[in-house]
PDB file of N, CA and C in Angstrom:
ATOM      1  N   MET A   1     -17.351 -28.808   1.568  1.00  0.00           N
ATOM      2  CA  MET A   1     -17.331 -29.149   2.969  1.00  0.00           C
ATOM      3  C   MET A   1     -17.610 -27.853   3.705  1.00  0.00           C
ATOM      4  N   ASN A   2     -18.720 -27.570   4.558  1.00  0.00           N
ATOM      5  CA  ASN A   2     -18.763 -26.743   5.555  1.00  0.00           C
ATOM      6  C   ASN A   2     -17.944 -26.685   6.721  1.00  0.00           C
ATOM      7  N   SER A   3     -17.280 -25.604   7.069  1.00  0.00           N
ATOM      8  CA  SER A   3     -16.559 -25.886   8.279  1.00  0.00           C
ATOM      9  C   SER A   3     -17.492 -25.629   9.471  1.00  0.00           C
ATOM     10  N   PRO A   4     -17.015 -26.540  10.494  1.00  0.00           N
ATOM     11  CA  PRO A   4     -17.900 -26.389  11.935  1.00  0.00           C
ATOM     12  C   PRO A   4     -18.023 -25.009  12.488  1.00  0.00           C
ATOM     13  N   SER A   5     -19.245 -24.681  12.772  1.00  0.00           N
ATOM     14  CA  SER A   5     -19.405 -23.509  13.707  1.00  0.00           C
ATOM     15  C   SER A   5     -18.609 -23.852  14.989  1.00  0.00           C
ATOM     16  N   VAL A   6     -18.228 -22.464  15.499  1.00  0.00           N
ATOM     17  CA  VAL A   6     -17.687 -22.646  16.862  1.00  0.00           C
ATOM     18  C   VAL A   6     -17.973 -21.198  17.202  1.00  0.00           C
ATOM     19  N   LYS A   7     -18.365 -21.021  18.654  1.00  0.00           N
ATOM     20  CA  LYS A   7     -18.657 -20.000  19.352  1.00  0.00           C
ATOM     21  C   LYS A   7     -17.331 -19.205  19.491  1.00  0.00           C
ATOM     22  N   PRO A   8     -17.365 -17.870  19.289  1.00  0.00           N
ATOM     23  CA  PRO A   8     -16.124 -16.898  19.869  1.00  0.00           C
ATOM     24  C   PRO A   8     -16.097 -16.820  21.132  1.00  0.00           C
ATOM     25  N   GLY A   9     -14.931 -16.924  21.359  1.00  0.00           N
ATOM     26  CA  GLY A   9     -14.586 -17.010  22.999  1.00  0.00           C
ATOM     27  C   GLY A   9     -14.416 -18.257  23.632  1.00  0.00           C
ATOM     28  N   SER A  10     -15.232 -19.300  23.081  1.00  0.00           N
ATOM     29  CA  SER A  10     -15.265 -20.599  23.711  1.00  0.00           C
ATOM     30  C   SER A  10     -13.828 -21.214  23.470  1.00  0.00           C
ATOM     31  N   ARG A  11     -13.400 -22.320  24.287  1.00  0.00           N
ATOM     32  CA  ARG A  11     -12.394 -22.893  24.449  1.00  0.00           C
ATOM     33  C   ARG A  11     -11.953 -23.572  23.107  1.00  0.00           C
ATOM     34  N   HIS A  12     -12.884 -23.614  22.402  1.00  0.00           N
ATOM     35  CA  HIS A  12     -12.899 -24.651  20.810  1.00  0.00           C
ATOM     36  C   HIS A  12     -12.698 -23.550  19.543  1.00  0.00           C
ATOM     37  N   ALA A  13     -12.281 -22.269  20.312  1.00  0.00           N
ATOM     38  CA  ALA A  13     -12.408 -21.133  18.877  1.00  0.00           C
ATOM     39  C   ALA A  13     -11.015 -21.026  18.490  1.00  0.00           C
ATOM     40  N   TRP A  14     -10.212 -22.140  18.460  1.00  0.00           N
ATOM     41  CA  TRP A  14      -8.706 -21.854  17.906  1.00  0.00           C
ATOM     42  C   TRP A  14      -8.889 -22.102  16.533  1.00  0.00           C
ATOM     43  N   THR A  15      -7.587 -21.542  15.653  1.00  0.00           N
ATOM     44  CA  THR A  15      -7.780 -21.626  14.290  1.00  0.00           C
ATOM     45  C   THR A  15      -6.132 -22.095  14.023  1.00  0.00           C
ATOM     46  N   PHE A  16      -6.046 -22.679  12.743  1.00  0.00           N
ATOM     47  CA  PHE A  16      -4.714 -23.338  12.582  1.00  0.00           C
ATOM     48  C   PHE A  16      -3.916 -22.353  12.113  1.00  0.00           C
ATOM     49  N   PHE A  17      -4.172 -20.910  11.735  1.00  0.00           N
ATOM     50  CA  PHE A  17      -3.270 -19.964  11.462  1.00  0.00           C
ATOM     51  C   PHE A  17      -3.242 -18.905  12.482  1.00  0.00           C
ATOM     52  N   SER A  18      -2.041 -18.194  12.684  1.00  0.00           N
ATOM     53  CA  SER A  18      -1.889 -17.103  13.601  1.00  0.00           C
ATOM     54  C   SER A  18      -2.737 -15.923  12.980  1.00  0.00           C
ATOM     55  N   ASN A  19      -2.899 -14.646  13.801  1.00  0.00           N
ATOM     56  CA  ASN A  19      -3.365 -13.353  13.148  1.00  0.00           C
ATOM     57  C   ASN A  19      -2.226 -13.187  11.917  1.00  0.00           C
ATOM     58  N   HIS A  20      -1.039 -13.118  11.980  1.00  0.00           N
ATOM     59  CA  HIS A  20      -0.034 -12.965  11.010  1.00  0.00           C
ATOM     60  C   HIS A  20      -0.218 -13.746   9.765  1.00  0.00           C
ATOM     61  N   GLY A  21      -0.875 -15.136   9.826  1.00  0.00           N
ATOM     62  CA  GLY A  21      -1.097 -15.839   8.858  1.00  0.00           C
ATOM     63  C   GLY A  21      -2.474 -15.345   8.032  1.00  0.00           C
ATOM     64  N   HIS A  22      -3.260 -15.038   9.086  1.00  0.00           N
ATOM     65  CA  HIS A  22      -4.672 -14.495   8.387  1.00  0.00           C
ATOM     66  C   HIS A  22      -4.403 -13.238   7.662  1.00  0.00           C
ATOM     67  N   VAL A  23      -3.474 -12.121   8.235  1.00  0.00           N
ATOM     68  CA  VAL A  23      -3.297 -10.877   7.630  1.00  0.00           C
ATOM     69  C   VAL A  23      -2.747 -11.406   6.249  1.00  0.00           C
ATOM     70  N   LEU A  24      -1.509 -12.102   6.174  1.00  0.00           N
ATOM     71  CA  LEU A  24      -0.842 -12.665   4.957  1.00  0.00           C
ATOM     72  C   LEU A  24      -2.144 -12.995   3.895  1.00  0.00           C
ATOM     73  N   VAL A  25      -2.964 -14.043   4.249  1.00  0.00           N
ATOM     74  CA  VAL A  25      -3.871 -14.626   3.398  1.00  0.00           C
ATOM     75  C   VAL A  25      -4.381 -13.364   2.881  1.00  0.00           C
ATOM     76  N   ALA A  26      -5.167 -12.492   3.706  1.00  0.00           N
ATOM     77  CA  ALA A  26      -5.882 -11.237   3.283  1.00  0.00           C
ATOM     78  C   ALA A  26      -5.366 -10.464   2.339  1.00  0.00           C
ATOM     79  N   ILE A  27      -3.873 -10.078   2.568  1.00  0.00           N
ATOM     80  CA  ILE A  27      -3.536  -9.268   1.613  1.00  0.00           C
ATOM     81  C   ILE A  27      -3.178 -10.058   0.330  1.00  0.00           C
ATOM     82  N   ALA A  28      -2.836 -11.266   0.306  1.00  0.00           N
ATOM     83  CA  ALA A  28      -2.611 -11.942  -1.004  1.00  0.00           C
ATOM     84  C   ALA A  28      -4.104 -11.936  -1.713  1.00  0.00           C
ATOM     85  N   LYS A  29      -5.339 -12.145  -1.020  1.00  0.00           N
ATOM     86  CA  LYS A  29      -6.448 -11.850  -1.745  1.00  0.00           C
ATOM     87  C   LYS A  29      -6.981 -10.476  -2.177  1.00  0.00           C
ATOM     88  N   ASP A  30      -6.395  -9.594  -1.521  1.00  0.00           N
ATOM     89  CA  ASP A  30      -6.500  -8.253  -1.792  1.00  0.00           C
ATOM     90  C   ASP A  30      -5.247  -7.402  -1.503  1.00  0.00           C
ATOM     91  N   PRO A  31      -4.430  -7.338  -2.492  1.00  0.00           N
ATOM     92  CA  PRO A  31      -3.384  -6.324  -2.424  1.00  0.00           C
ATOM     93  C   PRO A  31      -3.480  -4.753  -1.994  1.00  0.00           C
ATOM     94  N   ALA A  32      -4.732  -4.489  -2.307  1.00  0.00           N
ATOM     95  CA  ALA A  32      -4.929  -3.245  -2.007  1.00  0.00           C
ATOM     96  C   ALA A  32      -5.840  -2.979  -0.863  1.00  0.00           C
ATOM     97  N   ALA A  33      -6.051  -3.884  -0.047  1.00  0.00           N
ATOM     98  CA  ALA A  33      -6.677  -3.716   1.088  1.00  0.00           C
ATOM     99  C   ALA A  33      -6.138  -2.781   2.172  1.00  0.00           C
ATOM    100  N   ARG A  34      -7.166  -1.723   2.493  1.00  0.00           N
ATOM    101  CA  ARG A  34      -6.788  -0.815   3.512  1.00  0.00           C
ATOM    102  C   ARG A  34      -6.532  -1.584   5.053  1.00  0.00           C
ATOM    103  N   VAL A  35      -6.116  -0.903   5.765  1.00  0.00           N
ATOM    104  CA  VAL A  35      -5.669  -1.652   7.063  1.00  0.00           C
ATOM    105  C   VAL A  35      -6.964  -1.837   7.654  1.00  0.00           C
ATOM    106  N   ARG A  36      -8.012  -0.845   7.825  1.00  0.00           N
ATOM    107  CA  ARG A  36      -9.532  -1.277   8.241  1.00  0.00           C
ATOM    108  C   ARG A  36     -10.038  -2.415   7.560  1.00  0.00           C
ATOM    109  N   ASP A  37      -9.911  -2.714   6.104  1.00  0.00           N
ATOM    110  CA  ASP A  37     -10.389  -3.963   5.789  1.00  0.00           C
ATOM    111  C   ASP A  37      -9.560  -5.115   6.319  1.00  0.00           C
ATOM    112  N   LEU A  38      -8.293  -5.291   6.466  1.00  0.00           N
ATOM    113  CA  LEU A  38      -7.706  -6.234   7.037  1.00  0.00           C
ATOM    114  C   LEU A  38      -8.199  -6.636   8.394  1.00  0.00           C
ATOM    115  N   ALA A  39      -8.153  -5.433   9.140  1.00  0.00           N
ATOM    116  CA  ALA A  39      -8.748  -5.538  10.673  1.00  0.00           C
ATOM    117  C   ALA A  39     -10.021  -6.299  10.719  1.00  0.00           C
ATOM    118  N   ASP A  40     -10.977  -5.887   9.832  1.00  0.00           N
ATOM    119  CA  ASP A  40     -12.398  -6.383   9.695  1.00  0.00           C
ATOM    120  C   ASP A  40     -12.203  -7.847   9.442  1.00  0.00           C
ATOM    121  N   ALA A  41     -11.529  -8.063   8.130  1.00  0.00           N
ATOM    122  CA  ALA A  41     -11.253  -9.352   7.579  1.00  0.00           C
ATOM    123  C   ALA A  41     -10.748 -10.455   8.719  1.00  0.00           C
ATOM    124  N   VAL A  42      -9.891  -9.926   9.401  1.00  0.00           N
ATOM    125  CA  VAL A  42      -9.075 -10.808  10.576  1.00  0.00           C
ATOM    126  C   VAL A  42      -9.942 -10.814  11.634  1.00  0.00           C
ATOM    127  N   GLY A  43     -10.596  -9.687  12.261  1.00  0.00           N
ATOM    128  CA  GLY A  43     -11.294  -9.715  13.491  1.00  0.00           C
ATOM    129  C   GLY A  43     -10.400  -9.341  14.472  1.00  0.00           C
ATOM    130  N   ILE A  44      -9.422  -8.231  14.079  1.00  0.00           N
ATOM    131  CA  ILE A  44      -8.414  -7.726  15.244  1.00  0.00           C
ATOM    132  C   ILE A  44      -8.513  -6.212  15.180  1.00  0.00           C
ATOM    133  N   THR A  45      -7.752  -5.423  15.823  1.00  0.00           N
ATOM    134  CA  THR A  45      -7.989  -4.018  15.901  1.00  0.00           C
ATOM    135  C   THR A  45      -6.959  -3.524  14.594  1.00  0.00           C
ATOM    136  N   GLU A  46      -6.982  -2.526  14.260  1.00  0.00           N
ATOM    137  CA  GLU A  46      -6.164  -1.713  13.380  1.00  0.00           C
ATOM    138  C   GLU A  46      -4.871  -1.784  13.687  1.00  0.00           C
ATOM    139  N   ARG A  47      -4.832  -1.075  14.983  1.00  0.00           N
ATOM    140  CA  ARG A  47      -3.299  -1.236  15.579  1.00  0.00           C
ATOM    141  C   ARG A  47      -2.681  -2.640  15.607  1.00  0.00           C
ATOM    142  N   ALA A  48      -3.265  -3.577  15.670  1.00  0.00           N
ATOM    143  CA  ALA A  48      -2.809  -5.079  15.839  1.00  0.00           C
ATOM    144  C   ALA A  48      -2.368  -5.281  14.539  1.00  0.00           C
ATOM    145  N   VAL A  49      -3.246  -5.005  13.426  1.00  0.00           N
ATOM    146  CA  VAL A  49      -2.803  -5.071  12.069  1.00  0.00           C
ATOM    147  C   VAL A  49      -1.550  -4.281  11.598  1.00  0.00           C
ATOM    148  N   LEU A  50      -1.557  -3.355  11.880  1.00  0.00           N
ATOM    149  CA  LEU A  50      -0.227  -2.552  11.536  1.00  0.00           C
ATOM    150  C   LEU A  50       0.838  -3.113  12.363  1.00  0.00           C
ATOM    151  N   GLN A  51       1.118  -3.410  13.392  1.00  0.00           N
ATOM    152  CA  GLN A  51       2.181  -4.317  14.040  1.00  0.00           C
ATOM    153  C   GLN A  51       2.530  -5.353  13.214  1.00  0.00           C
ATOM    154  N   ILE A  52       1.384  -6.233  12.730  1.00  0.00           N
ATOM    155  CA  ILE A  52       1.771  -7.365  12.187  1.00  0.00           C
ATOM    156  C   ILE A  52       2.536  -7.154  10.584  1.00  0.00           C
ATOM    157  N   LEU A  53       1.912  -5.816   9.948  1.00  0.00           N
ATOM    158  CA  LEU A  53       2.471  -5.437   8.651  1.00  0.00           C
ATOM    159  C   LEU A  53       3.739  -5.074   8.895  1.00  0.00           C
ATOM    160  N   VAL A  54       4.008  -4.471  10.059  1.00  0.00           N
ATOM    161  CA  VAL A  54       5.739  -4.225  10.188  1.00  0.00           C
ATOM    162  C   VAL A  54       6.356  -5.223  10.347  1.00  0.00           C
ATOM    163  N   ASP A  55       5.896  -6.648  10.901  1.00  0.00           N
ATOM    164  CA  ASP A  55       6.708  -7.728  11.375  1.00  0.00           C
ATOM    165  C   ASP A  55       6.850  -8.509   9.866  1.00  0.00           C
ATOM    166  N   LEU A  56       5.771  -8.296   9.100  1.00  0.00           N
ATOM    167  CA  LEU A  56       5.557  -9.161   7.804  1.00  0.00           C
ATOM    168  C   LEU A  56       6.905  -8.372   6.837  1.00  0.00           C
ATOM    169  N   GLU A  57       6.768  -6.815   6.867  1.00  0.00           N
ATOM    170  CA  GLU A  57       7.824  -6.305   5.992  1.00  0.00           C
ATOM    171  C   GLU A  57       8.950  -6.500   6.509  1.00  0.00           C
ATOM    172  N   THR A  58       9.303  -6.491   7.795  1.00  0.00           N
ATOM    173  CA  THR A  58      10.881  -6.597   8.241  1.00  0.00           C
ATOM    174  C   THR A  58      11.455  -8.099   7.908  1.00  0.00           C
ATOM    175  N   ALA A  59      10.511  -8.874   7.981  1.00  0.00           N
ATOM    176  CA  ALA A  59      10.623 -10.343   7.736  1.00  0.00           C
ATOM    177  C   ALA A  59      11.049 -10.375   6.017  1.00  0.00           C
ATOM    178  N   GLY A  60      10.423  -9.492   5.267  1.00  0.00           N
ATOM    179  CA  GLY A  60      10.833  -9.570   3.993  1.00  0.00           C
ATOM    180  C   GLY A  60       9.574 -10.489   3.147  1.00  0.00           C
ATOM    181  N   VAL A  61       8.570 -10.540   4.095  1.00  0.00           N
ATOM    182  CA  VAL A  61       7.206 -11.448   3.425  1.00  0.00           C
ATOM    183  C   VAL A  61       6.454 -10.444   2.691  1.00  0.00           C
ATOM    184  N   ILE A  62       6.435  -9.037   2.922  1.00  0.00           N
ATOM    185  CA  ILE A  62       5.495  -8.424   2.024  1.00  0.00           C
ATOM    186  C   ILE A  62       6.479  -6.998   1.827  1.00  0.00           C
ATOM    187  N   GLU A  63       6.079  -6.525   0.805  1.00  0.00           N
ATOM    188  CA  GLU A  63       6.894  -5.205   0.574  1.00  0.00           C
ATOM    189  C   GLU A  63       5.543  -4.264   0.181  1.00  0.00           C
ATOM    190  N   ARG A  64       5.357  -2.884   0.995  1.00  0.00           N
ATOM    191  CA  ARG A  64       4.422  -1.963   0.768  1.00  0.00           C
ATOM    192  C   ARG A  64       5.176  -1.063  -0.508  1.00  0.00           C
ATOM    193  N   ARG A  65       3.784  -0.646  -1.129  1.00  0.00           N
ATOM    194  CA  ARG A  65       4.238   0.250  -2.347  1.00  0.00           C
ATOM    195  C   ARG A  65       3.196   1.309  -2.139  1.00  0.00           C
ATOM    196  N   ARG A  66       3.646   2.384  -2.144  1.00  0.00           N
ATOM    197  CA  ARG A  66       2.721   3.715  -1.963  1.00  0.00           C
ATOM    198  C   ARG A  66       2.190   4.124  -3.607  1.00  0.00           C
ATOM    199  N   GLU A  67       1.020   4.377  -3.599  1.00  0.00           N
ATOM    200  CA  GLU A  67       0.432   4.804  -4.998  1.00  0.00           C
ATOM    201  C   GLU A  67      -0.594   5.706  -4.715  1.00  0.00           C
ATOM    202  N   GLY A  68      -0.045   6.975  -4.526  1.00  0.00           N
ATOM    203  CA  GLY A  68      -0.894   8.318  -4.310  1.00  0.00           C
ATOM    204  C   GLY A  68      -1.215   7.888  -2.826  1.00  0.00           C
ATOM    205  N   ARG A  69      -2.414   8.077  -2.583  1.00  0.00           N
ATOM    206  CA  ARG A  69      -2.883   8.101  -1.170  1.00  0.00           C
ATOM    207  C   ARG A  69      -2.787   6.434  -0.567  1.00  0.00           C
ATOM    208  N   ARG A  70      -2.768   5.513  -1.441  1.00  0.00           N
ATOM    209  CA  ARG A  70      -2.973   4.393  -1.016  1.00  0.00           C
ATOM    210  C   ARG A  70      -1.857   3.474  -1.035  1.00  0.00           C
ATOM    211  N   THR A  71      -2.111   2.303  -0.289  1.00  0.00           N
ATOM    212  CA  THR A  71      -0.851   1.293   0.120  1.00  0.00           C
ATOM    213  C   THR A  71      -1.321   0.014  -0.792  1.00  0.00           C
ATOM    214  N   ASN A  72      -0.245  -0.346  -1.769  1.00  0.00           N
ATOM    215  CA  ASN A  72      -0.375  -1.808  -2.492  1.00  0.00           C
ATOM    216  C   ASN A  72       0.675  -2.610  -1.764  1.00  0.00           C
ATOM    217  N   TYR A  73       0.235  -3.849  -1.415  1.00  0.00           N
ATOM    218  CA  TYR A  73       1.086  -4.876  -0.856  1.00  0.00           C
ATOM    219  C   TYR A  73       1.408  -5.889  -1.980  1.00  0.00           C
ATOM    220  N   ALA A  74       2.971  -6.350  -1.910  1.00  0.00           N
ATOM    221  CA  ALA A  74       3.273  -7.552  -2.797  1.00  0.00           C
ATOM    222  C   ALA A  74       3.479  -8.596  -1.864  1.00  0.00           C
ATOM    223  N   VAL A  75       3.059  -9.738  -2.031  1.00  0.00           N
ATOM    224  CA  VAL A  75       3.703 -10.881  -1.244  1.00  0.00           C
ATOM    225  C   VAL A  75       4.840 -11.586  -1.835  1.00  0.00           C
ATOM    226  N   SER A  76       5.981 -11.760  -1.054  1.00  0.00           N
ATOM    227  CA  SER A  76       7.078 -12.555  -1.484  1.00  0.00           C
ATOM    228  C   SER A  76       6.961 -14.090  -1.370  1.00  0.00           C
ATOM    229  N   MET A  77       6.275 -14.636  -2.431  1.00  0.00           N
ATOM    230  CA  MET A  77       5.957 -16.127  -1.982  1.00  0.00           C
ATOM    231  C   MET A  77       6.895 -17.104  -2.080  1.00  0.00           C
ATOM    232  N   ASP A  78       8.432 -16.541  -2.343  1.00  0.00           N
ATOM    233  CA  ASP A  78       9.606 -17.495  -2.060  1.00  0.00           C
ATOM    234  C   ASP A  78      10.271 -17.506  -0.835  1.00  0.00           C
ATOM    235  N   VAL A  79       9.639 -16.741   0.000  1.00  0.00           N
ATOM    236  CA  VAL A  79      10.419 -16.660   1.524  1.00  0.00           C
ATOM    237  C   VAL A  79      10.073 -17.693   2.017  1.00  0.00           C
ATOM    238  N   PRO A  80      11.083 -18.460   2.691  1.00  0.00           N
ATOM    239  CA  PRO A  80      10.652 -19.728   3.398  1.00  0.00           C
ATOM    240  C   PRO A  80       9.970 -19.324   4.886  1.00  0.00           C
ATOM    241  N   LEU A  81       9.420 -20.202   5.205  1.00  0.00           N
ATOM    242  CA  LEU A  81       8.589 -20.035   6.603  1.00  0.00           C
ATOM    243  C   LEU A  81       9.516 -19.981   7.761  1.00  0.00           C
ATOM    244  N   ARG A  82       9.345 -19.696   8.692  1.00  0.00           N
ATOM    245  CA  ARG A  82      10.224 -19.178   9.773  1.00  0.00           C
ATOM    246  C   ARG A  82      10.426 -20.280  10.813  1.00  0.00           C
ATOM    247  N   HIS A  83       9.448 -21.095  11.282  1.00  0.00           N
ATOM    248  CA  HIS A  83       9.914 -22.214  12.244  1.00  0.00           C
ATOM    249  C   HIS A  83      10.359 -23.154  11.502  1.00  0.00           C
ATOM    250  N   PRO A  84      11.358 -23.870  12.251  1.00  0.00           N
ATOM    251  CA  PRO A  84      12.065 -25.085  11.856  1.00  0.00           C
ATOM    252  C   PRO A  84      11.373 -26.178  11.461  1.00  0.00           C
ATOM    253  N   LEU A  85      10.065 -26.523  11.743  1.00  0.00           N
ATOM    254  CA  LEU A  85       9.247 -27.505  11.401  1.00  0.00           C
ATOM    255  C   LEU A  85       8.762 -26.990   9.840  1.00  0.00           C
ATOM    256  N   GLU A  86       8.804 -25.817   9.587  1.00  0.00           N
ATOM    257  CA  GLU A  86       7.941 -25.608   8.506  1.00  0.00           C
ATOM    258  C   GLU A  86       9.118 -24.762   7.271  1.00  0.00           C
ATOM    259  N   GLN A  87      10.229 -25.064   7.893  1.00  0.00           N
ATOM    260  CA  GLN A  87      11.429 -23.949   6.951  1.00  0.00           C
ATOM    261  C   GLN A  87      11.504 -24.649   5.675  1.00  0.00           C
ATOM    262  N   HIS A  88      10.918 -25.646   5.347  1.00  0.00           N
ATOM    263  CA  HIS A  88      11.252 -26.273   4.077  1.00  0.00           C
ATOM    264  C   HIS A  88      10.101 -25.925   3.023  1.00  0.00           C
ATOM    265  N   ARG A  89       9.207 -25.021   3.523  1.00  0.00           N
ATOM    266  CA  ARG A  89       8.070 -24.677   2.641  1.00  0.00           C
ATOM    267  C   ARG A  89       7.949 -23.214   2.778  1.00  0.00           C
ATOM    268  N   THR A  90       7.313 -22.423   1.688  1.00  0.00           N
ATOM    269  CA  THR A  90       7.597 -20.994   1.552  1.00  0.00           C
ATOM    270  C   THR A  90       6.383 -20.472   1.711  1.00  0.00           C
ATOM    271  N   VAL A  91       6.112 -19.206   1.748  1.00  0.00           N
ATOM    272  CA  VAL A  91       5.089 -18.219   1.875  1.00  0.00           C
ATOM    273  C   VAL A  91       3.909 -18.818   0.934  1.00  0.00           C
ATOM    274  N   GLY A  92       4.551 -18.885  -0.203  1.00  0.00           N
ATOM    275  CA  GLY A  92       3.673 -19.407  -1.423  1.00  0.00           C
ATOM    276  C   GLY A  92       3.072 -20.441  -1.202  1.00  0.00           C
ATOM    277  N   ASP A  93       3.647 -21.498  -0.645  1.00  0.00           N
ATOM    278  CA  ASP A  93       2.975 -22.878  -0.530  1.00  0.00           C
ATOM    279  C   ASP A  93       1.564 -22.488   0.585  1.00  0.00           C
ATOM    280  N   ILE A  94       1.856 -21.682   1.835  1.00  0.00           N
ATOM    281  CA  ILE A  94       0.591 -21.494   2.380  1.00  0.00           C
ATOM    282  C   ILE A  94      -0.343 -20.473   1.658  1.00  0.00           C
ATOM    283  N   VAL A  95      -0.033 -19.763   0.843  1.00  0.00           N
ATOM    284  CA  VAL A  95      -1.052 -19.012   0.153  1.00  0.00           C
ATOM    285  C   VAL A  95      -1.699 -19.707  -0.534  1.00  0.00           C
ATOM    286  N   GLY A  96      -0.895 -20.544  -1.401  1.00  0.00           N
ATOM    287  CA  GLY A  96      -1.422 -21.439  -2.347  1.00  0.00           C
ATOM    288  C   GLY A  96      -2.644 -22.493  -1.735  1.00  0.00           C
ATOM    289  N   LEU A  97      -2.438 -22.892  -0.289  1.00  0.00           N
ATOM    290  CA  LEU A  97      -3.279 -23.814  -0.066  1.00  0.00           C
ATOM    291  C   LEU A  97      -4.696 -23.250   0.271  1.00  0.00           C
ATOM    292  N   VAL A  98      -4.669 -21.900   0.692  1.00  0.00           N
ATOM    293  CA  VAL A  98      -5.791 -21.263   1.066  1.00  0.00           C
ATOM    294  C   VAL A  98      -6.616 -20.496   0.032  1.00  0.00           C
ATOM    295  N   ARG A  99      -5.961 -19.969  -1.116  1.00  0.00           N
ATOM    296  CA  ARG A  99      -6.509 -19.368  -2.255  1.00  0.00           C
ATOM    297  C   ARG A  99      -7.675 -19.930  -2.692  1.00  0.00           C
ATOM    298  N   GLU A 100      -8.769 -19.186  -3.258  1.00  0.00           N
ATOM    299  CA  GLU A 100      -9.956 -19.854  -3.755  1.00  0.00           C
ATOM    300  C   GLU A 100     -10.133 -20.220  -4.782  1.00  0.00           C
ATOM    301  N   ASP A 101      -8.851 -19.773  -5.692  1.00  0.00           N
ATOM    302  CA  ASP A 101      -8.861 -20.322  -6.821  1.00  0.00           C
ATOM    303  C   ASP A 101      -7.667 -21.330  -7.068  1.00  0.00           C
ATOM    304  N   ALA A 102      -7.255 -22.010  -6.162  1.00  0.00           N
ATOM    305  CA  ALA A 102      -6.281 -22.736  -5.917  1.00  0.00           C
ATOM    306  C   ALA A 102      -6.918 -24.078  -6.997  1.00  0.00           C
ATOM    307  N   PRO A 103      -5.836 -25.051  -7.454  1.00  0.00           N
ATOM    308  CA  PRO A 103      -6.597 -26.159  -8.349  1.00  0.00           C
ATOM    309  C   PRO A 103      -6.854 -26.966  -7.280  1.00  0.00           C
ATOM    310  N   GLY A 104      -7.931 -27.746  -7.611  1.00  0.00           N
ATOM    311  CA  GLY A 104      -8.812 -28.642  -6.581  1.00  0.00           C
ATOM    312  C   GLY A 104      -9.841 -28.241  -5.830  1.00  0.00           C
ATOM    313  N   ARG A 105     -10.027 -26.969  -5.918  1.00  0.00           N
ATOM    314  CA  ARG A 105     -11.022 -26.305  -5.299  1.00  0.00           C
ATOM    315  C   ARG A 105     -12.305 -26.025  -6.028  1.00  0.00           C
TER     316      ARG A 105
END
């Protein structure tokens, strides 16, 4: 099923995930992605990505691992979601919903 096209900047250009969610999904898809790659994928600045990475790391959702000059990320799939409405679900539940190789896709 194709998603409906929406003009950027229009009143109807909202998405179901925040930029934090988008960065998380992008990292789950490519744990070796550079900050520039994440910014391009999400459509935000590199500075915004860096702040989101700090937020996600501080919350224990991701772990950064330096490998030479590169950074790789590991997503902690068992971390509960933060909002009381969703805290019965985990980061892995969200990632599993949007993974391209998820069952039923």
